[in-house]
Amino acid sequence: LPGLLRAAGLVGVAAEAYFPIASPACDLLETATIT
């Protein structure tokens, strides 16, 4: 994605993300995403 954005002429695009890999909610999120 960063390279695609640069190739499209977009600069200074930023984002922050957090994914809790040790949280009890992870199993539920993974199951919901897959199903």
PDB file of all heavy atoms in Angstrom:
ATOM      1  N   LEU A   1       0.788  -1.222   0.000  1.00  0.00           N
ATOM      2  CA  LEU A   1       0.000   0.000   0.000  1.00  0.00           C
ATOM      3  C   LEU A   1       0.829   1.285   0.000  1.00  0.00           C
ATOM      4  O   LEU A   1       0.531   2.190  -0.790  1.00  0.00           O
ATOM      5  CB  LEU A   1      -0.987  -0.010   1.163  1.00  0.00           C
ATOM      6  CG  LEU A   1      -1.957   1.165   1.217  1.00  0.00           C
ATOM      7  CD1 LEU A   1      -2.773   1.257  -0.066  1.00  0.00           C
ATOM      8  CD2 LEU A   1      -2.857   1.041   2.426  1.00  0.00           C
ATOM      9  N   PRO A   2       1.866   1.432   0.828  1.00  0.00           N
ATOM     10  CA  PRO A   2       2.633   2.684   0.775  1.00  0.00           C
ATOM     11  C   PRO A   2       3.203   2.980  -0.613  1.00  0.00           C
ATOM     12  O   PRO A   2       3.136   4.113  -1.085  1.00  0.00           O
ATOM     13  CB  PRO A   2       3.756   2.459   1.801  1.00  0.00           C
ATOM     14  CG  PRO A   2       3.185   1.453   2.753  1.00  0.00           C
ATOM     15  CD  PRO A   2       2.332   0.552   1.905  1.00  0.00           C
ATOM     16  N   GLY A   3       3.728   1.989  -1.280  1.00  0.00           N
ATOM     17  CA  GLY A   3       4.261   2.191  -2.635  1.00  0.00           C
ATOM     18  C   GLY A   3       3.171   2.548  -3.629  1.00  0.00           C
ATOM     19  O   GLY A   3       3.377   3.385  -4.517  1.00  0.00           O
ATOM     20  N   LEU A   4       2.006   1.939  -3.485  1.00  0.00           N
ATOM     21  CA  LEU A   4       0.884   2.256  -4.369  1.00  0.00           C
ATOM     22  C   LEU A   4       0.424   3.695  -4.171  1.00  0.00           C
ATOM     23  O   LEU A   4       0.110   4.396  -5.143  1.00  0.00           O
ATOM     24  CB  LEU A   4      -0.280   1.284  -4.117  1.00  0.00           C
ATOM     25  CG  LEU A   4      -0.026  -0.176  -4.479  1.00  0.00           C
ATOM     26  CD1 LEU A   4      -1.157  -1.057  -3.947  1.00  0.00           C
ATOM     27  CD2 LEU A   4       0.115  -0.326  -5.981  1.00  0.00           C
ATOM     28  N   LEU A   5       0.385   4.139  -2.921  1.00  0.00           N
ATOM     29  CA  LEU A   5      -0.001   5.517  -2.647  1.00  0.00           C
ATOM     30  C   LEU A   5       1.002   6.501  -3.221  1.00  0.00           C
ATOM     31  O   LEU A   5       0.625   7.510  -3.822  1.00  0.00           O
ATOM     32  CB  LEU A   5      -0.167   5.734  -1.139  1.00  0.00           C
ATOM     33  CG  LEU A   5      -1.311   4.972  -0.472  1.00  0.00           C
ATOM     34  CD1 LEU A   5      -1.254   5.144   1.036  1.00  0.00           C
ATOM     35  CD2 LEU A   5      -2.652   5.410  -1.015  1.00  0.00           C
ATOM     36  N   ARG A   6       2.301   6.216  -3.053  1.00  0.00           N
ATOM     37  CA  ARG A   6       3.328   7.085  -3.621  1.00  0.00           C
ATOM     38  C   ARG A   6       3.235   7.119  -5.136  1.00  0.00           C
ATOM     39  O   ARG A   6       3.354   8.176  -5.758  1.00  0.00           O
ATOM     40  CB  ARG A   6       4.722   6.627  -3.180  1.00  0.00           C
ATOM     41  CG  ARG A   6       5.064   7.016  -1.757  1.00  0.00           C
ATOM     42  CD  ARG A   6       6.534   6.778  -1.449  1.00  0.00           C
ATOM     43  NE  ARG A   6       6.906   5.377  -1.571  1.00  0.00           N
ATOM     44  CZ  ARG A   6       6.795   4.476  -0.603  1.00  0.00           C
ATOM     45  NH1 ARG A   6       6.325   4.836   0.569  1.00  0.00           N
ATOM     46  NH2 ARG A   6       7.156   3.234  -0.798  1.00  0.00           N
ATOM     47  N   ALA A   7       3.019   5.959  -5.750  1.00  0.00           N
ATOM     48  CA  ALA A   7       2.906   5.887  -7.208  1.00  0.00           C
ATOM     49  C   ALA A   7       1.711   6.686  -7.713  1.00  0.00           C
ATOM     50  O   ALA A   7       1.725   7.191  -8.836  1.00  0.00           O
ATOM     51  CB  ALA A   7       2.794   4.431  -7.651  1.00  0.00           C
ATOM     52  N   ALA A   8       0.681   6.826  -6.879  1.00  0.00           N
ATOM     53  CA  ALA A   8      -0.500   7.601  -7.258  1.00  0.00           C
ATOM     54  C   ALA A   8      -0.305   9.091  -6.983  1.00  0.00           C
ATOM     55  O   ALA A   8      -1.218   9.884  -7.200  1.00  0.00           O
ATOM     56  CB  ALA A   8      -1.724   7.086  -6.500  1.00  0.00           C
ATOM     57  N   GLY A   9       0.885   9.464  -6.494  1.00  0.00           N
ATOM     58  CA  GLY A   9       1.170  10.861  -6.231  1.00  0.00           C
ATOM     59  C   GLY A   9       0.764  11.336  -4.850  1.00  0.00           C
ATOM     60  O   GLY A   9       0.809  12.526  -4.573  1.00  0.00           O
ATOM     61  N   LEU A  10       0.358  10.439  -3.998  1.00  0.00           N
ATOM     62  CA  LEU A  10      -0.044  10.813  -2.648  1.00  0.00           C
ATOM     63  C   LEU A  10       1.166  10.755  -1.726  1.00  0.00           C
ATOM     64  O   LEU A  10       1.852   9.743  -1.648  1.00  0.00           O
ATOM     65  CB  LEU A  10      -1.132   9.870  -2.138  1.00  0.00           C
ATOM     66  CG  LEU A  10      -2.413   9.862  -2.970  1.00  0.00           C
ATOM     67  CD1 LEU A  10      -3.331   8.749  -2.512  1.00  0.00           C
ATOM     68  CD2 LEU A  10      -3.108  11.206  -2.885  1.00  0.00           C
ATOM     69  N   VAL A  11       1.438  11.843  -1.056  1.00  0.00           N
ATOM     70  CA  VAL A  11       2.573  11.892  -0.128  1.00  0.00           C
ATOM     71  C   VAL A  11       2.074  12.351   1.231  1.00  0.00           C
ATOM     72  O   VAL A  11       1.043  13.004   1.346  1.00  0.00           O
ATOM     73  CB  VAL A  11       3.689  12.833  -0.643  1.00  0.00           C
ATOM     74  CG1 VAL A  11       4.289  12.302  -1.919  1.00  0.00           C
ATOM     75  CG2 VAL A  11       3.158  14.233  -0.856  1.00  0.00           C
ATOM     76  N   GLY A  12       2.778  12.006   2.246  1.00  0.00           N
ATOM     77  CA  GLY A  12       2.414  12.422   3.586  1.00  0.00           C
ATOM     78  C   GLY A  12       1.193  11.704   4.141  1.00  0.00           C
ATOM     79  O   GLY A  12       0.568  12.188   5.074  1.00  0.00           O
ATOM     80  N   VAL A  13       0.845  10.574   3.571  1.00  0.00           N
ATOM     81  CA  VAL A  13      -0.280   9.795   4.078  1.00  0.00           C
ATOM     82  C   VAL A  13       0.213   9.005   5.282  1.00  0.00           C
ATOM     83  O   VAL A  13       1.259   8.370   5.227  1.00  0.00           O
ATOM     84  CB  VAL A  13      -0.827   8.834   2.999  1.00  0.00           C
ATOM     85  CG1 VAL A  13      -1.939   7.976   3.560  1.00  0.00           C
ATOM     86  CG2 VAL A  13      -1.296   9.622   1.792  1.00  0.00           C
ATOM     87  N   ALA A  14      -0.541   9.047   6.360  1.00  0.00           N
ATOM     88  CA  ALA A  14      -0.126   8.357   7.574  1.00  0.00           C
ATOM     89  C   ALA A  14      -1.319   7.687   8.233  1.00  0.00           C
ATOM     90  O   ALA A  14      -2.461   8.086   8.013  1.00  0.00           O
ATOM     91  CB  ALA A  14       0.518   9.330   8.549  1.00  0.00           C
ATOM     92  N   ALA A  15      -1.016   6.682   9.006  1.00  0.00           N
ATOM     93  CA  ALA A  15      -2.059   5.981   9.747  1.00  0.00           C
ATOM     94  C   ALA A  15      -1.430   5.304  10.949  1.00  0.00           C
ATOM     95  O   ALA A  15      -0.236   5.015  10.953  1.00  0.00           O
ATOM     96  CB  ALA A  15      -2.753   4.951   8.869  1.00  0.00           C
ATOM     97  N   GLU A  16      -2.246   5.062  11.937  1.00  0.00           N
ATOM     98  CA  GLU A  16      -1.812   4.286  13.088  1.00  0.00           C
ATOM     99  C   GLU A  16      -2.785   3.137  13.258  1.00  0.00           C
ATOM    100  O   GLU A  16      -3.976   3.274  12.986  1.00  0.00           O
ATOM    101  CB  GLU A  16      -1.812   5.143  14.348  1.00  0.00           C
ATOM    102  CG  GLU A  16      -0.727   6.185  14.356  1.00  0.00           C
ATOM    103  CD  GLU A  16      -0.644   6.909  15.677  1.00  0.00           C
ATOM    104  OE1 GLU A  16      -1.007   6.315  16.720  1.00  0.00           O
ATOM    105  OE2 GLU A  16      -0.214   8.063  15.680  1.00  0.00           O
ATOM    106  N   ALA A  17      -2.256   2.018  13.661  1.00  0.00           N
ATOM    107  CA  ALA A  17      -3.108   0.851  13.865  1.00  0.00           C
ATOM    108  C   ALA A  17      -2.651   0.106  15.113  1.00  0.00           C
ATOM    109  O   ALA A  17      -1.487   0.157  15.487  1.00  0.00           O
ATOM    110  CB  ALA A  17      -3.046  -0.060  12.657  1.00  0.00           C
ATOM    111  N   TYR A  18      -3.582  -0.570  15.704  1.00  0.00           N
ATOM    112  CA  TYR A  18      -3.283  -1.391  16.876  1.00  0.00           C
ATOM    113  C   TYR A  18      -4.104  -2.656  16.761  1.00  0.00           C
ATOM    114  O   TYR A  18      -5.314  -2.604  16.537  1.00  0.00           O
ATOM    115  CB  TYR A  18      -3.647  -0.636  18.161  1.00  0.00           C
ATOM    116  CG  TYR A  18      -3.550  -1.499  19.387  1.00  0.00           C
ATOM    117  CD1 TYR A  18      -2.317  -1.841  19.926  1.00  0.00           C
ATOM    118  CD2 TYR A  18      -4.692  -1.990  19.993  1.00  0.00           C
ATOM    119  CE1 TYR A  18      -2.235  -2.640  21.058  1.00  0.00           C
ATOM    120  CE2 TYR A  18      -4.623  -2.792  21.120  1.00  0.00           C
ATOM    121  CZ  TYR A  18      -3.392  -3.114  21.642  1.00  0.00           C
ATOM    122  OH  TYR A  18      -3.315  -3.897  22.739  1.00  0.00           O
ATOM    123  N   PHE A  19      -3.452  -3.774  16.878  1.00  0.00           N
ATOM    124  CA  PHE A  19      -4.156  -5.048  16.865  1.00  0.00           C
ATOM    125  C   PHE A  19      -3.675  -5.856  18.057  1.00  0.00           C
ATOM    126  O   PHE A  19      -2.517  -6.271  18.105  1.00  0.00           O
ATOM    127  CB  PHE A  19      -3.893  -5.818  15.570  1.00  0.00           C
ATOM    128  CG  PHE A  19      -4.756  -7.038  15.452  1.00  0.00           C
ATOM    129  CD1 PHE A  19      -6.053  -6.937  14.981  1.00  0.00           C
ATOM    130  CD2 PHE A  19      -4.287  -8.278  15.839  1.00  0.00           C
ATOM    131  CE1 PHE A  19      -6.864  -8.058  14.883  1.00  0.00           C
ATOM    132  CE2 PHE A  19      -5.091  -9.409  15.751  1.00  0.00           C
ATOM    133  CZ  PHE A  19      -6.378  -9.292  15.270  1.00  0.00           C
ATOM    134  N   PRO A  20      -4.519  -6.047  19.037  1.00  0.00           N
ATOM    135  CA  PRO A  20      -4.106  -6.757  20.251  1.00  0.00           C
ATOM    136  C   PRO A  20      -3.991  -8.260  20.005  1.00  0.00           C
ATOM    137  O   PRO A  20      -4.993  -8.955  19.874  1.00  0.00           O
ATOM    138  CB  PRO A  20      -5.242  -6.440  21.234  1.00  0.00           C
ATOM    139  CG  PRO A  20      -6.430  -6.237  20.358  1.00  0.00           C
ATOM    140  CD  PRO A  20      -5.910  -5.634  19.089  1.00  0.00           C
ATOM    141  N   ILE A  21      -2.774  -8.750  19.916  1.00  0.00           N
ATOM    142  CA  ILE A  21      -2.598 -10.171  19.601  1.00  0.00           C
ATOM    143  C   ILE A  21      -2.709 -11.073  20.824  1.00  0.00           C
ATOM    144  O   ILE A  21      -2.761 -12.283  20.694  1.00  0.00           O
ATOM    145  CB  ILE A  21      -1.256 -10.423  18.883  1.00  0.00           C
ATOM    146  CG1 ILE A  21      -0.094  -9.976  19.750  1.00  0.00           C
ATOM    147  CG2 ILE A  21      -1.244  -9.728  17.539  1.00  0.00           C
ATOM    148  CD1 ILE A  21       1.253 -10.352  19.211  1.00  0.00           C
ATOM    149  N   ALA A  22      -2.753 -10.489  22.007  1.00  0.00           N
ATOM    150  CA  ALA A  22      -2.840 -11.306  23.216  1.00  0.00           C
ATOM    151  C   ALA A  22      -4.135 -11.046  23.985  1.00  0.00           C
ATOM    152  O   ALA A  22      -4.223 -11.345  25.152  1.00  0.00           O
ATOM    153  CB  ALA A  22      -1.640 -11.038  24.110  1.00  0.00           C
ATOM    154  N   SER A  23      -5.116 -10.503  23.312  1.00  0.00           N
ATOM    155  CA  SER A  23      -6.376 -10.181  23.970  1.00  0.00           C
ATOM    156  C   SER A  23      -7.387 -11.299  23.754  1.00  0.00           C
ATOM    157  O   SER A  23      -7.399 -11.937  22.702  1.00  0.00           O
ATOM    158  CB  SER A  23      -6.931  -8.876  23.390  1.00  0.00           C
ATOM    159  OG  SER A  23      -8.267  -8.684  23.769  1.00  0.00           O
ATOM    160  N   PRO A  24      -8.263 -11.547  24.710  1.00  0.00           N
ATOM    161  CA  PRO A  24      -9.304 -12.556  24.515  1.00  0.00           C
ATOM    162  C   PRO A  24     -10.211 -12.234  23.323  1.00  0.00           C
ATOM    163  O   PRO A  24     -10.799 -13.123  22.715  1.00  0.00           O
ATOM    164  CB  PRO A  24     -10.108 -12.512  25.819  1.00  0.00           C
ATOM    165  CG  PRO A  24      -9.191 -11.929  26.824  1.00  0.00           C
ATOM    166  CD  PRO A  24      -8.293 -10.994  26.075  1.00  0.00           C
ATOM    167  N   ALA A  25     -10.295 -10.962  22.943  1.00  0.00           N
ATOM    168  CA  ALA A  25     -11.130 -10.571  21.805  1.00  0.00           C
ATOM    169  C   ALA A  25     -10.532 -11.012  20.473  1.00  0.00           C
ATOM    170  O   ALA A  25     -11.232 -11.045  19.467  1.00  0.00           O
ATOM    171  CB  ALA A  25     -11.336  -9.065  21.807  1.00  0.00           C
ATOM    172  N   CYS A  26      -9.259 -11.351  20.453  1.00  0.00           N
ATOM    173  CA  CYS A  26      -8.603 -11.740  19.199  1.00  0.00           C
ATOM    174  C   CYS A  26      -9.247 -12.970  18.571  1.00  0.00           C
ATOM    175  O   CYS A  26      -9.440 -13.018  17.354  1.00  0.00           O
ATOM    176  CB  CYS A  26      -7.118 -11.998  19.422  1.00  0.00           C
ATOM    177  SG  CYS A  26      -6.220 -10.511  19.818  1.00  0.00           S
ATOM    178  N   ASP A  27      -9.559 -13.965  19.368  1.00  0.00           N
ATOM    179  CA  ASP A  27     -10.184 -15.175  18.835  1.00  0.00           C
ATOM    180  C   ASP A  27     -11.526 -14.851  18.192  1.00  0.00           C
ATOM    181  O   ASP A  27     -11.834 -15.326  17.098  1.00  0.00           O
ATOM    182  CB  ASP A  27     -10.374 -16.227  19.926  1.00  0.00           C
ATOM    183  CG  ASP A  27      -9.058 -16.809  20.399  1.00  0.00           C
ATOM    184  OD1 ASP A  27      -8.080 -16.774  19.624  1.00  0.00           O
ATOM    185  OD2 ASP A  27      -9.016 -17.298  21.534  1.00  0.00           O
ATOM    186  N   LEU A  28     -12.305 -14.020  18.847  1.00  0.00           N
ATOM    187  CA  LEU A  28     -13.604 -13.626  18.310  1.00  0.00           C
ATOM    188  C   LEU A  28     -13.445 -12.836  17.013  1.00  0.00           C
ATOM    189  O   LEU A  28     -14.149 -13.082  16.034  1.00  0.00           O
ATOM    190  CB  LEU A  28     -14.373 -12.807  19.342  1.00  0.00           C
ATOM    191  CG  LEU A  28     -15.744 -12.311  18.921  1.00  0.00           C
ATOM    192  CD1 LEU A  28     -16.662 -13.481  18.571  1.00  0.00           C
ATOM    193  CD2 LEU A  28     -16.355 -11.468  20.012  1.00  0.00           C
ATOM    194  N   LEU A  29     -12.491 -11.908  16.982  1.00  0.00           N
ATOM    195  CA  LEU A  29     -12.255 -11.109  15.785  1.00  0.00           C
ATOM    196  C   LEU A  29     -11.788 -11.984  14.628  1.00  0.00           C
ATOM    197  O   LEU A  29     -12.260 -11.852  13.500  1.00  0.00           O
ATOM    198  CB  LEU A  29     -11.230 -10.013  16.067  1.00  0.00           C
ATOM    199  CG  LEU A  29     -10.860  -9.122  14.899  1.00  0.00           C
ATOM    200  CD1 LEU A  29     -12.091  -8.406  14.341  1.00  0.00           C
ATOM    201  CD2 LEU A  29      -9.802  -8.112  15.316  1.00  0.00           C
ATOM    202  N   GLU A  30     -10.877 -12.902  14.896  1.00  0.00           N
ATOM    203  CA  GLU A  30     -10.394 -13.798  13.847  1.00  0.00           C
ATOM    204  C   GLU A  30     -11.523 -14.675  13.308  1.00  0.00           C
ATOM    205  O   GLU A  30     -11.686 -14.825  12.104  1.00  0.00           O
ATOM    206  CB  GLU A  30      -9.259 -14.670  14.380  1.00  0.00           C
ATOM    207  CG  GLU A  30      -8.698 -15.601  13.321  1.00  0.00           C
ATOM    208  CD  GLU A  30      -7.566 -16.464  13.838  1.00  0.00           C
ATOM    209  OE1 GLU A  30      -7.310 -16.465  15.057  1.00  0.00           O
ATOM    210  OE2 GLU A  30      -6.954 -17.146  13.016  1.00  0.00           O
ATOM    211  N   THR A  31     -12.330 -15.206  14.198  1.00  0.00           N
ATOM    212  CA  THR A  31     -13.456 -16.043  13.779  1.00  0.00           C
ATOM    213  C   THR A  31     -14.437 -15.237  12.941  1.00  0.00           C
ATOM    214  O   THR A  31     -14.896 -15.698  11.884  1.00  0.00           O
ATOM    215  CB  THR A  31     -14.170 -16.625  15.004  1.00  0.00           C
ATOM    216  OG1 THR A  31     -13.237 -17.415  15.733  1.00  0.00           O
ATOM    217  CG2 THR A  31     -15.348 -17.491  14.596  1.00  0.00           C
ATOM    218  N   ALA A  32     -14.733 -14.020  13.356  1.00  0.00           N
ATOM    219  CA  ALA A  32     -15.673 -13.186  12.609  1.00  0.00           C
ATOM    220  C   ALA A  32     -15.110 -12.832  11.238  1.00  0.00           C
ATOM    221  O   ALA A  32     -15.829 -12.819  10.247  1.00  0.00           O
ATOM    222  CB  ALA A  32     -15.971 -11.917  13.398  1.00  0.00           C
ATOM    223  N   THR A  33     -13.816 -12.563  11.162  1.00  0.00           N
ATOM    224  CA  THR A  33     -13.202 -12.217   9.886  1.00  0.00           C
ATOM    225  C   THR A  33     -13.217 -13.381   8.928  1.00  0.00           C
ATOM    226  O   THR A  33     -13.537 -13.230   7.743  1.00  0.00           O
ATOM    227  CB  THR A  33     -11.736 -11.772  10.118  1.00  0.00           C
ATOM    228  OG1 THR A  33     -11.743 -10.666  11.013  1.00  0.00           O
ATOM    229  CG2 THR A  33     -11.076 -11.369   8.832  1.00  0.00           C
ATOM    230  N   ILE A  34     -12.917 -14.555   9.417  1.00  0.00           N
ATOM    231  CA  ILE A  34     -12.861 -15.742   8.555  1.00  0.00           C
ATOM    232  C   ILE A  34     -14.250 -16.179   8.118  1.00  0.00           C
ATOM    233  O   ILE A  34     -14.478 -16.475   6.952  1.00  0.00           O
ATOM    234  CB  ILE A  34     -12.124 -16.886   9.292  1.00  0.00           C
ATOM    235  CG1 ILE A  34     -10.661 -16.513   9.463  1.00  0.00           C
ATOM    236  CG2 ILE A  34     -12.273 -18.194   8.524  1.00  0.00           C
ATOM    237  CD1 ILE A  34      -9.892 -17.445  10.351  1.00  0.00           C
ATOM    238  N   THR A  35     -15.204 -16.182   9.043  1.00  0.00           N
ATOM    239  CA  THR A  35     -16.535 -16.684   8.708  1.00  0.00           C
ATOM    240  C   THR A  35     -17.390 -15.659   7.965  1.00  0.00           C
ATOM    241  O   THR A  35     -18.354 -16.029   7.305  1.00  0.00           O
ATOM    242  CB  THR A  35     -17.298 -17.167   9.954  1.00  0.00           C
ATOM    243  OG1 THR A  35     -17.398 -16.088  10.876  1.00  0.00           O
ATOM    244  CG2 THR A  35     -16.599 -18.339  10.599  1.00  0.00           C
TER     245      THR A  35
END
